[in-house]
């Protein structure tokens, strides 16, 4: 699925536009435990989280995740946004809960990193 389709599907607002809207996305990983993200999340997946602090950007950089979706209209502060821009990480904010966002993506063909 194209990133622009995901943005529309989740009624998301683009906060940091660092990714190509036509980028193909196949997998998503959802967690608020950055230690789990470091261990389980594959590169080039989307991260869905409710955490908005700069540690999320640092974790995404280490794991080579280039798109983060913040749920429940939680918007990152300017420090987090600037760090994401510097690291070329795309940020979206959706009004949906984590459960609803993951559900919509799953119903539209996006799989989690544990499915092959």
PDB file of N, CA and C in Angstrom:
ATOM      1  N   UNK A   1       0.842  -1.170   0.000  1.00  0.00           N
ATOM      2  CA  UNK A   1       0.000   0.000   0.000  1.00  0.00           C
ATOM      3  C   UNK A   1       0.894   1.242   0.000  1.00  0.00           C
ATOM      4  N   UNK A   2       0.484   2.234  -0.726  1.00  0.00           N
ATOM      5  CA  UNK A   2       1.238   3.484  -0.808  1.00  0.00           C
ATOM      6  C   UNK A   2       1.067   4.303   0.476  1.00  0.00           C
ATOM      7  N   UNK A   3       2.105   5.017   0.833  1.00  0.00           N
ATOM      8  CA  UNK A   3       2.074   5.834   2.044  1.00  0.00           C
ATOM      9  C   UNK A   3       0.953   6.868   1.995  1.00  0.00           C
ATOM     10  N   UNK A   4       0.705   7.436   0.840  1.00  0.00           N
ATOM     11  CA  UNK A   4      -0.378   8.425   0.734  1.00  0.00           C
ATOM     12  C   UNK A   4      -1.740   7.777   0.988  1.00  0.00           C
ATOM     13  N   UNK A   5      -1.903   6.498   0.621  1.00  0.00           N
ATOM     14  CA  UNK A   5      -3.153   5.784   0.892  1.00  0.00           C
ATOM     15  C   UNK A   5      -3.307   5.519   2.387  1.00  0.00           C
ATOM     16  N   UNK A   6      -2.203   5.202   3.047  1.00  0.00           N
ATOM     17  CA  UNK A   6      -2.224   4.985   4.494  1.00  0.00           C
ATOM     18  C   UNK A   6      -2.597   6.275   5.209  1.00  0.00           C
ATOM     19  N   UNK A   7      -2.031   7.381   4.759  1.00  0.00           N
ATOM     20  CA  UNK A   7      -2.343   8.688   5.346  1.00  0.00           C
ATOM     21  C   UNK A   7      -3.839   8.964   5.250  1.00  0.00           C
ATOM     22  N   UNK A   8      -4.418   8.709   4.094  1.00  0.00           N
ATOM     23  CA  UNK A   8      -5.853   8.921   3.892  1.00  0.00           C
ATOM     24  C   UNK A   8      -6.685   7.942   4.727  1.00  0.00           C
ATOM     25  N   UNK A   9      -6.303   6.682   4.719  1.00  0.00           N
ATOM     26  CA  UNK A   9      -7.036   5.633   5.424  1.00  0.00           C
ATOM     27  C   UNK A   9      -7.125   5.908   6.927  1.00  0.00           C
ATOM     28  N   UNK A  10      -6.068   6.472   7.488  1.00  0.00           N
ATOM     29  CA  UNK A  10      -6.022   6.742   8.929  1.00  0.00           C
ATOM     30  C   UNK A  10      -6.441   8.168   9.276  1.00  0.00           C
ATOM     31  N   UNK A  11      -6.931   8.910   8.303  1.00  0.00           N
ATOM     32  CA  UNK A  11      -7.290  10.319   8.519  1.00  0.00           C
ATOM     33  C   UNK A  11      -6.146  11.064   9.193  1.00  0.00           C
ATOM     34  N   UNK A  12      -4.940  10.810   8.722  1.00  0.00           N
ATOM     35  CA  UNK A  12      -3.740  11.311   9.395  1.00  0.00           C
ATOM     36  C   UNK A  12      -3.313  12.676   8.870  1.00  0.00           C
ATOM     37  N   UNK A  13      -2.668  13.403   9.749  1.00  0.00           N
ATOM     38  CA  UNK A  13      -2.063  14.688   9.424  1.00  0.00           C
ATOM     39  C   UNK A  13      -0.556  14.473   9.296  1.00  0.00           C
ATOM     40  N   UNK A  14       0.026  15.020   8.250  1.00  0.00           N
ATOM     41  CA  UNK A  14       1.471  14.925   8.057  1.00  0.00           C
ATOM     42  C   UNK A  14       2.144  16.007   8.901  1.00  0.00           C
ATOM     43  N   UNK A  15       3.061  15.584   9.784  1.00  0.00           N
ATOM     44  CA  UNK A  15       3.785  16.510  10.660  1.00  0.00           C
ATOM     45  C   UNK A  15       5.183  16.779  10.117  1.00  0.00           C
ATOM     46  N   UNK A  16       5.823  15.760   9.613  1.00  0.00           N
ATOM     47  CA  UNK A  16       7.155  15.876   9.018  1.00  0.00           C
ATOM     48  C   UNK A  16       7.139  15.076   7.729  1.00  0.00           C
ATOM     49  N   UNK A  17       7.248  15.771   6.623  1.00  0.00           N
ATOM     50  CA  UNK A  17       7.094  15.146   5.309  1.00  0.00           C
ATOM     51  C   UNK A  17       8.451  14.755   4.755  1.00  0.00           C
ATOM     52  N   UNK A  18       8.942  13.603   5.170  1.00  0.00           N
ATOM     53  CA  UNK A  18      10.284  13.166   4.771  1.00  0.00           C
ATOM     54  C   UNK A  18      10.285  11.935   3.886  1.00  0.00           C
ATOM     55  N   UNK A  19       9.126  11.398   3.582  1.00  0.00           N
ATOM     56  CA  UNK A  19       9.066  10.169   2.781  1.00  0.00           C
ATOM     57  C   UNK A  19       8.274  10.423   1.506  1.00  0.00           C
ATOM     58  N   UNK A  20       8.569   9.661   0.508  1.00  0.00           N
ATOM     59  CA  UNK A  20       7.839   9.770  -0.753  1.00  0.00           C
ATOM     60  C   UNK A  20       6.413   9.258  -0.559  1.00  0.00           C
ATOM     61  N   UNK A  21       5.411  10.028  -0.977  1.00  0.00           N
ATOM     62  CA  UNK A  21       4.022   9.585  -0.787  1.00  0.00           C
ATOM     63  C   UNK A  21       3.690   8.305  -1.542  1.00  0.00           C
ATOM     64  N   UNK A  22       4.489   7.993  -2.557  1.00  0.00           N
ATOM     65  CA  UNK A  22       4.265   6.770  -3.328  1.00  0.00           C
ATOM     66  C   UNK A  22       5.101   5.592  -2.834  1.00  0.00           C
ATOM     67  N   UNK A  23       5.744   5.752  -1.680  1.00  0.00           N
ATOM     68  CA  UNK A  23       6.528   4.650  -1.111  1.00  0.00           C
ATOM     69  C   UNK A  23       5.598   3.485  -0.785  1.00  0.00           C
ATOM     70  N   UNK A  24       6.036   2.279  -1.107  1.00  0.00           N
ATOM     71  CA  UNK A  24       5.252   1.079  -0.810  1.00  0.00           C
ATOM     72  C   UNK A  24       5.519   0.625   0.618  1.00  0.00           C
ATOM     73  N   UNK A  25       4.448   0.392   1.357  1.00  0.00           N
ATOM     74  CA  UNK A  25       4.535  -0.072   2.740  1.00  0.00           C
ATOM     75  C   UNK A  25       3.902  -1.454   2.805  1.00  0.00           C
ATOM     76  N   UNK A  26       4.627  -2.401   3.385  1.00  0.00           N
ATOM     77  CA  UNK A  26       4.114  -3.766   3.488  1.00  0.00           C
ATOM     78  C   UNK A  26       3.872  -4.210   4.920  1.00  0.00           C
ATOM     79  N   UNK A  27       4.604  -3.614   5.878  1.00  0.00           N
ATOM     80  CA  UNK A  27       4.513  -4.086   7.263  1.00  0.00           C
ATOM     81  C   UNK A  27       4.397  -2.928   8.244  1.00  0.00           C
ATOM     82  N   UNK A  28       3.807  -3.256   9.386  1.00  0.00           N
ATOM     83  CA  UNK A  28       3.676  -2.294  10.474  1.00  0.00           C
ATOM     84  C   UNK A  28       4.082  -2.974  11.772  1.00  0.00           C
ATOM     85  N   UNK A  29       4.628  -2.186  12.675  1.00  0.00           N
ATOM     86  CA  UNK A  29       4.918  -2.671  14.023  1.00  0.00           C
ATOM     87  C   UNK A  29       4.349  -1.640  14.975  1.00  0.00           C
ATOM     88  N   UNK A  30       3.640  -2.086  15.998  1.00  0.00           N
ATOM     89  CA  UNK A  30       3.007  -1.186  16.948  1.00  0.00           C
ATOM     90  C   UNK A  30       3.479  -1.501  18.354  1.00  0.00           C
ATOM     91  N   UNK A  31       4.017  -0.480  19.021  1.00  0.00           N
ATOM     92  CA  UNK A  31       4.488  -0.681  20.388  1.00  0.00           C
ATOM     93  C   UNK A  31       4.780   0.660  21.041  1.00  0.00           C
ATOM     94  N   UNK A  32       4.671   0.677  22.363  1.00  0.00           N
ATOM     95  CA  UNK A  32       5.126   1.811  23.161  1.00  0.00           C
ATOM     96  C   UNK A  32       6.388   1.454  23.930  1.00  0.00           C
ATOM     97  N   UNK A  33       6.852   0.238  23.791  1.00  0.00           N
ATOM     98  CA  UNK A  33       8.101  -0.194  24.425  1.00  0.00           C
ATOM     99  C   UNK A  33       9.217  -0.124  23.391  1.00  0.00           C
ATOM    100  N   UNK A  34      10.059   0.880  23.522  1.00  0.00           N
ATOM    101  CA  UNK A  34      11.112   1.060  22.530  1.00  0.00           C
ATOM    102  C   UNK A  34      12.108  -0.093  22.545  1.00  0.00           C
ATOM    103  N   UNK A  35      12.236  -0.789  23.667  1.00  0.00           N
ATOM    104  CA  UNK A  35      13.106  -1.971  23.692  1.00  0.00           C
ATOM    105  C   UNK A  35      12.546  -3.060  22.780  1.00  0.00           C
ATOM    106  N   UNK A  36      11.227  -3.206  22.725  1.00  0.00           N
ATOM    107  CA  UNK A  36      10.615  -4.164  21.802  1.00  0.00           C
ATOM    108  C   UNK A  36      10.822  -3.732  20.355  1.00  0.00           C
ATOM    109  N   UNK A  37      10.695  -2.444  20.098  1.00  0.00           N
ATOM    110  CA  UNK A  37      10.919  -1.937  18.740  1.00  0.00           C
ATOM    111  C   UNK A  37      12.341  -2.270  18.301  1.00  0.00           C
ATOM    112  N   UNK A  38      13.303  -2.034  19.179  1.00  0.00           N
ATOM    113  CA  UNK A  38      14.700  -2.327  18.852  1.00  0.00           C
ATOM    114  C   UNK A  38      14.915  -3.802  18.538  1.00  0.00           C
ATOM    115  N   UNK A  39      14.218  -4.663  19.248  1.00  0.00           N
ATOM    116  CA  UNK A  39      14.424  -6.103  19.090  1.00  0.00           C
ATOM    117  C   UNK A  39      13.613  -6.711  17.944  1.00  0.00           C
ATOM    118  N   UNK A  40      12.356  -6.275  17.794  1.00  0.00           N
ATOM    119  CA  UNK A  40      11.444  -6.960  16.879  1.00  0.00           C
ATOM    120  C   UNK A  40      11.159  -6.249  15.560  1.00  0.00           C
ATOM    121  N   UNK A  41      11.191  -4.942  15.537  1.00  0.00           N
ATOM    122  CA  UNK A  41      10.737  -4.213  14.346  1.00  0.00           C
ATOM    123  C   UNK A  41      11.728  -4.326  13.192  1.00  0.00           C
ATOM    124  N   UNK A  42      11.247  -4.737  12.033  1.00  0.00           N
ATOM    125  CA  UNK A  42      12.142  -4.810  10.876  1.00  0.00           C
ATOM    126  C   UNK A  42      12.350  -3.424  10.260  1.00  0.00           C
ATOM    127  N   UNK A  43      13.428  -3.277   9.538  1.00  0.00           N
ATOM    128  CA  UNK A  43      13.687  -2.024   8.826  1.00  0.00           C
ATOM    129  C   UNK A  43      12.579  -1.784   7.805  1.00  0.00           C
ATOM    130  N   UNK A  44      12.326  -0.543   7.551  1.00  0.00           N
ATOM    131  CA  UNK A  44      11.384  -0.101   6.520  1.00  0.00           C
ATOM    132  C   UNK A  44       9.921  -0.408   6.822  1.00  0.00           C
ATOM    133  N   UNK A  45       9.598  -0.749   8.061  1.00  0.00           N
ATOM    134  CA  UNK A  45       8.193  -0.885   8.424  1.00  0.00           C
ATOM    135  C   UNK A  45       7.712   0.465   8.967  1.00  0.00           C
ATOM    136  N   UNK A  46       6.426   0.567   9.210  1.00  0.00           N
ATOM    137  CA  UNK A  46       5.862   1.738   9.878  1.00  0.00           C
ATOM    138  C   UNK A  46       5.782   1.417  11.362  1.00  0.00           C
ATOM    139  N   UNK A  47       6.107   2.387  12.191  1.00  0.00           N
ATOM    140  CA  UNK A  47       5.938   2.244  13.634  1.00  0.00           C
ATOM    141  C   UNK A  47       4.702   3.018  14.052  1.00  0.00           C
ATOM    142  N   UNK A  48       3.802   2.358  14.776  1.00  0.00           N
ATOM    143  CA  UNK A  48       2.628   3.008  15.350  1.00  0.00           C
ATOM    144  C   UNK A  48       2.822   3.042  16.856  1.00  0.00           C
ATOM    145  N   UNK A  49       2.714   4.241  17.433  1.00  0.00           N
ATOM    146  CA  UNK A  49       2.968   4.404  18.860  1.00  0.00           C
ATOM    147  C   UNK A  49       2.190   5.592  19.416  1.00  0.00           C
ATOM    148  N   UNK A  50       2.038   5.615  20.728  1.00  0.00           N
ATOM    149  CA  UNK A  50       1.440   6.781  21.378  1.00  0.00           C
ATOM    150  C   UNK A  50       2.501   7.643  22.056  1.00  0.00           C
ATOM    151  N   UNK A  51       3.750   7.215  21.985  1.00  0.00           N
ATOM    152  CA  UNK A  51       4.848   7.984  22.578  1.00  0.00           C
ATOM    153  C   UNK A  51       5.331   9.038  21.594  1.00  0.00           C
ATOM    154  N   UNK A  52       5.573  10.243  22.081  1.00  0.00           N
ATOM    155  CA  UNK A  52       5.935  11.338  21.181  1.00  0.00           C
ATOM    156  C   UNK A  52       7.273  11.987  21.512  1.00  0.00           C
ATOM    157  N   UNK A  53       8.044  11.417  22.396  1.00  0.00           N
ATOM    158  CA  UNK A  53       9.306  12.051  22.794  1.00  0.00           C
ATOM    159  C   UNK A  53      10.435  11.706  21.816  1.00  0.00           C
ATOM    160  N   UNK A  54      11.536  12.427  21.870  1.00  0.00           N
ATOM    161  CA  UNK A  54      12.640  12.217  20.921  1.00  0.00           C
ATOM    162  C   UNK A  54      13.233  10.808  20.926  1.00  0.00           C
ATOM    163  N   UNK A  55      13.078  10.067  22.013  1.00  0.00           N
ATOM    164  CA  UNK A  55      13.607   8.698  22.053  1.00  0.00           C
ATOM    165  C   UNK A  55      12.997   7.829  20.952  1.00  0.00           C
ATOM    166  N   UNK A  56      11.767   8.133  20.586  1.00  0.00           N
ATOM    167  CA  UNK A  56      11.106   7.374  19.519  1.00  0.00           C
ATOM    168  C   UNK A  56      11.835   7.595  18.189  1.00  0.00           C
ATOM    169  N   UNK A  57      12.254   8.819  17.948  1.00  0.00           N
ATOM    170  CA  UNK A  57      12.990   9.131  16.717  1.00  0.00           C
ATOM    171  C   UNK A  57      14.342   8.425  16.723  1.00  0.00           C
ATOM    172  N   UNK A  58      15.026   8.467  17.845  1.00  0.00           N
ATOM    173  CA  UNK A  58      16.331   7.792  17.957  1.00  0.00           C
ATOM    174  C   UNK A  58      16.185   6.283  17.729  1.00  0.00           C
ATOM    175  N   UNK A  59      15.136   5.700  18.289  1.00  0.00           N
ATOM    176  CA  UNK A  59      14.889   4.266  18.100  1.00  0.00           C
ATOM    177  C   UNK A  59      14.597   3.961  16.631  1.00  0.00           C
ATOM    178  N   UNK A  60      13.789   4.799  16.010  1.00  0.00           N
ATOM    179  CA  UNK A  60      13.482   4.610  14.590  1.00  0.00           C
ATOM    180  C   UNK A  60      14.746   4.707  13.741  1.00  0.00           C
ATOM    181  N   UNK A  61      15.599   5.635  14.076  1.00  0.00           N
ATOM    182  CA  UNK A  61      16.853   5.785  13.329  1.00  0.00           C
ATOM    183  C   UNK A  61      17.708   4.519  13.432  1.00  0.00           C
ATOM    184  N   UNK A  62      17.837   3.989  14.632  1.00  0.00           N
ATOM    185  CA  UNK A  62      18.652   2.788  14.852  1.00  0.00           C
ATOM    186  C   UNK A  62      18.095   1.593  14.088  1.00  0.00           C
ATOM    187  N   UNK A  63      16.781   1.461  14.080  1.00  0.00           N
ATOM    188  CA  UNK A  63      16.146   0.299  13.448  1.00  0.00           C
ATOM    189  C   UNK A  63      15.822   0.521  11.970  1.00  0.00           C
ATOM    190  N   UNK A  64      16.149   1.690  11.451  1.00  0.00           N
ATOM    191  CA  UNK A  64      15.897   2.053  10.052  1.00  0.00           C
ATOM    192  C   UNK A  64      14.405   2.070   9.716  1.00  0.00           C
ATOM    193  N   UNK A  65      13.620   2.554  10.664  1.00  0.00           N
ATOM    194  CA  UNK A  65      12.200   2.809  10.422  1.00  0.00           C
ATOM    195  C   UNK A  65      12.107   4.245   9.928  1.00  0.00           C
ATOM    196  N   UNK A  66      11.434   4.455   8.792  1.00  0.00           N
ATOM    197  CA  UNK A  66      11.397   5.813   8.260  1.00  0.00           C
ATOM    198  C   UNK A  66      10.038   6.492   8.330  1.00  0.00           C
ATOM    199  N   UNK A  67       9.050   5.821   8.937  1.00  0.00           N
ATOM    200  CA  UNK A  67       7.736   6.434   9.127  1.00  0.00           C
ATOM    201  C   UNK A  67       7.189   6.059  10.495  1.00  0.00           C
ATOM    202  N   UNK A  68       6.737   7.077  11.234  1.00  0.00           N
ATOM    203  CA  UNK A  68       6.123   6.873  12.548  1.00  0.00           C
ATOM    204  C   UNK A  68       4.735   7.490  12.517  1.00  0.00           C
ATOM    205  N   UNK A  69       3.767   6.740  13.031  1.00  0.00           N
ATOM    206  CA  UNK A  69       2.402   7.246  13.161  1.00  0.00           C
ATOM    207  C   UNK A  69       2.082   7.356  14.646  1.00  0.00           C
ATOM    208  N   UNK A  70       1.764   8.571  15.073  1.00  0.00           N
ATOM    209  CA  UNK A  70       1.353   8.817  16.453  1.00  0.00           C
ATOM    210  C   UNK A  70      -0.169   8.741  16.512  1.00  0.00           C
ATOM    211  N   UNK A  71      -0.694   8.037  17.503  1.00  0.00           N
ATOM    212  CA  UNK A  71      -2.138   7.811  17.612  1.00  0.00           C
ATOM    213  C   UNK A  71      -2.784   8.779  18.598  1.00  0.00           C
ATOM    214  N   UNK A  72      -4.122   8.779  18.596  1.00  0.00           N
ATOM    215  CA  UNK A  72      -4.948   9.539  19.533  1.00  0.00           C
ATOM    216  C   UNK A  72      -4.642  11.038  19.499  1.00  0.00           C
ATOM    217  N   UNK A  73      -4.332  11.535  18.320  1.00  0.00           N
ATOM    218  CA  UNK A  73      -4.028  12.961  18.126  1.00  0.00           C
ATOM    219  C   UNK A  73      -2.889  13.471  18.990  1.00  0.00           C
ATOM    220  N   UNK A  74      -1.997  12.591  19.391  1.00  0.00           N
ATOM    221  CA  UNK A  74      -0.839  13.006  20.192  1.00  0.00           C
ATOM    222  C   UNK A  74       0.212  13.582  19.255  1.00  0.00           C
ATOM    223  N   UNK A  75       0.464  14.865  19.405  1.00  0.00           N
ATOM    224  CA  UNK A  75       1.417  15.537  18.525  1.00  0.00           C
ATOM    225  C   UNK A  75       2.759  15.701  19.227  1.00  0.00           C
ATOM    226  N   UNK A  76       3.827  15.401  18.517  1.00  0.00           N
ATOM    227  CA  UNK A  76       5.158  15.550  19.106  1.00  0.00           C
ATOM    228  C   UNK A  76       5.520  17.024  19.263  1.00  0.00           C
ATOM    229  N   UNK A  77       6.397  17.296  20.229  1.00  0.00           N
ATOM    230  CA  UNK A  77       6.852  18.673  20.426  1.00  0.00           C
ATOM    231  C   UNK A  77       7.837  19.062  19.328  1.00  0.00           C
ATOM    232  N   UNK A  78       8.218  20.325  19.315  1.00  0.00           N
ATOM    233  CA  UNK A  78       9.081  20.837  18.244  1.00  0.00           C
ATOM    234  C   UNK A  78      10.446  20.153  18.224  1.00  0.00           C
ATOM    235  N   UNK A  79      10.975  19.781  19.384  1.00  0.00           N
ATOM    236  CA  UNK A  79      12.263  19.084  19.434  1.00  0.00           C
ATOM    237  C   UNK A  79      12.189  17.747  18.694  1.00  0.00           C
ATOM    238  N   UNK A  80      11.114  17.019  18.922  1.00  0.00           N
ATOM    239  CA  UNK A  80      10.928  15.721  18.272  1.00  0.00           C
ATOM    240  C   UNK A  80      10.748  15.885  16.766  1.00  0.00           C
ATOM    241  N   UNK A  81       9.961  16.871  16.370  1.00  0.00           N
ATOM    242  CA  UNK A  81       9.726  17.114  14.944  1.00  0.00           C
ATOM    243  C   UNK A  81      11.026  17.510  14.245  1.00  0.00           C
ATOM    244  N   UNK A  82      11.784  18.396  14.856  1.00  0.00           N
ATOM    245  CA  UNK A  82      13.053  18.830  14.249  1.00  0.00           C
ATOM    246  C   UNK A  82      14.040  17.668  14.129  1.00  0.00           C
ATOM    247  N   UNK A  83      14.085  16.816  15.140  1.00  0.00           N
ATOM    248  CA  UNK A  83      14.961  15.650  15.083  1.00  0.00           C
ATOM    249  C   UNK A  83      14.528  14.706  13.960  1.00  0.00           C
ATOM    250  N   UNK A  84      13.224  14.520  13.816  1.00  0.00           N
ATOM    251  CA  UNK A  84      12.706  13.664  12.739  1.00  0.00           C
ATOM    252  C   UNK A  84      13.085  14.223  11.368  1.00  0.00           C
ATOM    253  N   UNK A  85      12.973  15.521  11.205  1.00  0.00           N
ATOM    254  CA  UNK A  85      13.355  16.141   9.929  1.00  0.00           C
ATOM    255  C   UNK A  85      14.841  15.942   9.666  1.00  0.00           C
ATOM    256  N   UNK A  86      15.635  16.138  10.700  1.00  0.00           N
ATOM    257  CA  UNK A  86      17.088  15.976  10.571  1.00  0.00           C
ATOM    258  C   UNK A  86      17.453  14.538  10.192  1.00  0.00           C
ATOM    259  N   UNK A  87      16.718  13.578  10.738  1.00  0.00           N
ATOM    260  CA  UNK A  87      16.989  12.158  10.490  1.00  0.00           C
ATOM    261  C   UNK A  87      16.187  11.602   9.311  1.00  0.00           C
ATOM    262  N   UNK A  88      15.431  12.479   8.646  1.00  0.00           N
ATOM    263  CA  UNK A  88      14.641  12.097   7.476  1.00  0.00           C
ATOM    264  C   UNK A  88      13.597  11.023   7.808  1.00  0.00           C
ATOM    265  N   UNK A  89      12.894  11.240   8.911  1.00  0.00           N
ATOM    266  CA  UNK A  89      11.844  10.316   9.354  1.00  0.00           C
ATOM    267  C   UNK A  89      10.489  11.001   9.196  1.00  0.00           C
ATOM    268  N   UNK A  90       9.596  10.335   8.510  1.00  0.00           N
ATOM    269  CA  UNK A  90       8.260  10.836   8.197  1.00  0.00           C
ATOM    270  C   UNK A  90       7.365  10.668   9.427  1.00  0.00           C
ATOM    271  N   UNK A  91       6.640  11.722   9.808  1.00  0.00           N
ATOM    272  CA  UNK A  91       5.755  11.665  10.973  1.00  0.00           C
ATOM    273  C   UNK A  91       4.317  11.957  10.570  1.00  0.00           C
ATOM    274  N   UNK A  92       3.416  11.121  11.074  1.00  0.00           N
ATOM    275  CA  UNK A  92       1.983  11.308  10.883  1.00  0.00           C
ATOM    276  C   UNK A  92       1.297  11.282  12.242  1.00  0.00           C
ATOM    277  N   UNK A  93       0.165  11.976  12.340  1.00  0.00           N
ATOM    278  CA  UNK A  93      -0.665  11.927  13.546  1.00  0.00           C
ATOM    279  C   UNK A  93      -2.073  11.548  13.119  1.00  0.00           C
ATOM    280  N   UNK A  94      -2.638  10.533  13.774  1.00  0.00           N
ATOM    281  CA  UNK A  94      -4.001  10.097  13.488  1.00  0.00           C
ATOM    282  C   UNK A  94      -4.875  10.276  14.732  1.00  0.00           C
ATOM    283  N   UNK A  95      -6.151  10.579  14.537  1.00  0.00           N
ATOM    284  CA  UNK A  95      -7.052  10.653  15.688  1.00  0.00           C
ATOM    285  C   UNK A  95      -7.448   9.272  16.216  1.00  0.00           C
ATOM    286  N   UNK A  96      -7.138   8.236  15.461  1.00  0.00           N
ATOM    287  CA  UNK A  96      -7.534   6.877  15.833  1.00  0.00           C
ATOM    288  C   UNK A  96      -6.729   6.345  17.017  1.00  0.00           C
ATOM    289  N   UNK A  97      -7.299   5.379  17.709  1.00  0.00           N
ATOM    290  CA  UNK A  97      -6.554   4.652  18.739  1.00  0.00           C
ATOM    291  C   UNK A  97      -5.544   3.736  18.052  1.00  0.00           C
ATOM    292  N   UNK A  98      -4.622   3.221  18.822  1.00  0.00           N
ATOM    293  CA  UNK A  98      -3.640   2.288  18.274  1.00  0.00           C
ATOM    294  C   UNK A  98      -4.353   1.053  17.697  1.00  0.00           C
ATOM    295  N   UNK A  99      -5.326   0.545  18.431  1.00  0.00           N
ATOM    296  CA  UNK A  99      -6.082  -0.628  18.002  1.00  0.00           C
ATOM    297  C   UNK A  99      -6.791  -0.366  16.672  1.00  0.00           C
ATOM    298  N   UNK A 100      -7.488   0.759  16.578  1.00  0.00           N
ATOM    299  CA  UNK A 100      -8.234   1.080  15.358  1.00  0.00           C
ATOM    300  C   UNK A 100      -7.301   1.310  14.170  1.00  0.00           C
ATOM    301  N   UNK A 101      -6.193   1.988  14.392  1.00  0.00           N
ATOM    302  CA  UNK A 101      -5.233   2.240  13.308  1.00  0.00           C
ATOM    303  C   UNK A 101      -4.668   0.923  12.779  1.00  0.00           C
ATOM    304  N   UNK A 102      -4.260   0.056  13.689  1.00  0.00           N
ATOM    305  CA  UNK A 102      -3.727  -1.249  13.272  1.00  0.00           C
ATOM    306  C   UNK A 102      -4.796  -2.070  12.564  1.00  0.00           C
ATOM    307  N   UNK A 103      -6.016  -2.024  13.077  1.00  0.00           N
ATOM    308  CA  UNK A 103      -7.111  -2.767  12.467  1.00  0.00           C
ATOM    309  C   UNK A 103      -7.401  -2.322  11.048  1.00  0.00           C
ATOM    310  N   UNK A 104      -7.453  -1.017  10.838  1.00  0.00           N
ATOM    311  CA  UNK A 104      -7.699  -0.506   9.481  1.00  0.00           C
ATOM    312  C   UNK A 104      -6.590  -0.937   8.522  1.00  0.00           C
ATOM    313  N   UNK A 105      -5.360  -0.838   8.977  1.00  0.00           N
ATOM    314  CA  UNK A 105      -4.245  -1.231   8.116  1.00  0.00           C
ATOM    315  C   UNK A 105      -4.300  -2.724   7.804  1.00  0.00           C
ATOM    316  N   UNK A 106      -4.597  -3.532   8.819  1.00  0.00           N
ATOM    317  CA  UNK A 106      -4.673  -4.984   8.621  1.00  0.00           C
ATOM    318  C   UNK A 106      -5.777  -5.347   7.624  1.00  0.00           C
ATOM    319  N   UNK A 107      -6.936  -4.723   7.785  1.00  0.00           N
ATOM    320  CA  UNK A 107      -8.053  -5.004   6.880  1.00  0.00           C
ATOM    321  C   UNK A 107      -7.761  -4.582   5.442  1.00  0.00           C
ATOM    322  N   UNK A 108      -6.775  -3.725   5.278  1.00  0.00           N
ATOM    323  CA  UNK A 108      -6.408  -3.251   3.942  1.00  0.00           C
ATOM    324  C   UNK A 108      -5.096  -3.846   3.439  1.00  0.00           C
ATOM    325  N   UNK A 109      -4.678  -4.950   4.042  1.00  0.00           N
ATOM    326  CA  UNK A 109      -3.567  -5.717   3.495  1.00  0.00           C
ATOM    327  C   UNK A 109      -2.194  -5.494   4.098  1.00  0.00           C
ATOM    328  N   UNK A 110      -2.070  -4.578   5.045  1.00  0.00           N
ATOM    329  CA  UNK A 110      -0.777  -4.373   5.702  1.00  0.00           C
ATOM    330  C   UNK A 110      -0.644  -5.417   6.808  1.00  0.00           C
ATOM    331  N   UNK A 111       0.492  -6.066   6.891  1.00  0.00           N
ATOM    332  CA  UNK A 111       0.703  -7.122   7.878  1.00  0.00           C
ATOM    333  C   UNK A 111       1.711  -6.695   8.928  1.00  0.00           C
ATOM    334  N   UNK A 112       1.666  -7.382  10.069  1.00  0.00           N
ATOM    335  CA  UNK A 112       2.673  -7.089  11.090  1.00  0.00           C
ATOM    336  C   UNK A 112       3.947  -7.862  10.765  1.00  0.00           C
ATOM    337  N   UNK A 113       5.000  -7.545  11.475  1.00  0.00           N
ATOM    338  CA  UNK A 113       6.312  -8.103  11.127  1.00  0.00           C
ATOM    339  C   UNK A 113       6.435  -9.588  11.452  1.00  0.00           C
ATOM    340  N   UNK A 114       5.470 -10.160  12.162  1.00  0.00           N
ATOM    341  CA  UNK A 114       5.537 -11.574  12.511  1.00  0.00           C
ATOM    342  C   UNK A 114       4.859 -12.465  11.478  1.00  0.00           C
ATOM    343  N   UNK A 115       4.145 -11.864  10.531  1.00  0.00           N
ATOM    344  CA  UNK A 115       3.489 -12.624   9.469  1.00  0.00           C
ATOM    345  C   UNK A 115       4.376 -12.640   8.242  1.00  0.00           C
ATOM    346  N   UNK A 116       4.455 -13.764   7.621  1.00  0.00           N
ATOM    347  CA  UNK A 116       5.243 -13.877   6.382  1.00  0.00           C
ATOM    348  C   UNK A 116       4.318 -14.051   5.213  1.00  0.00           C
TER     349      UNK A 116
END
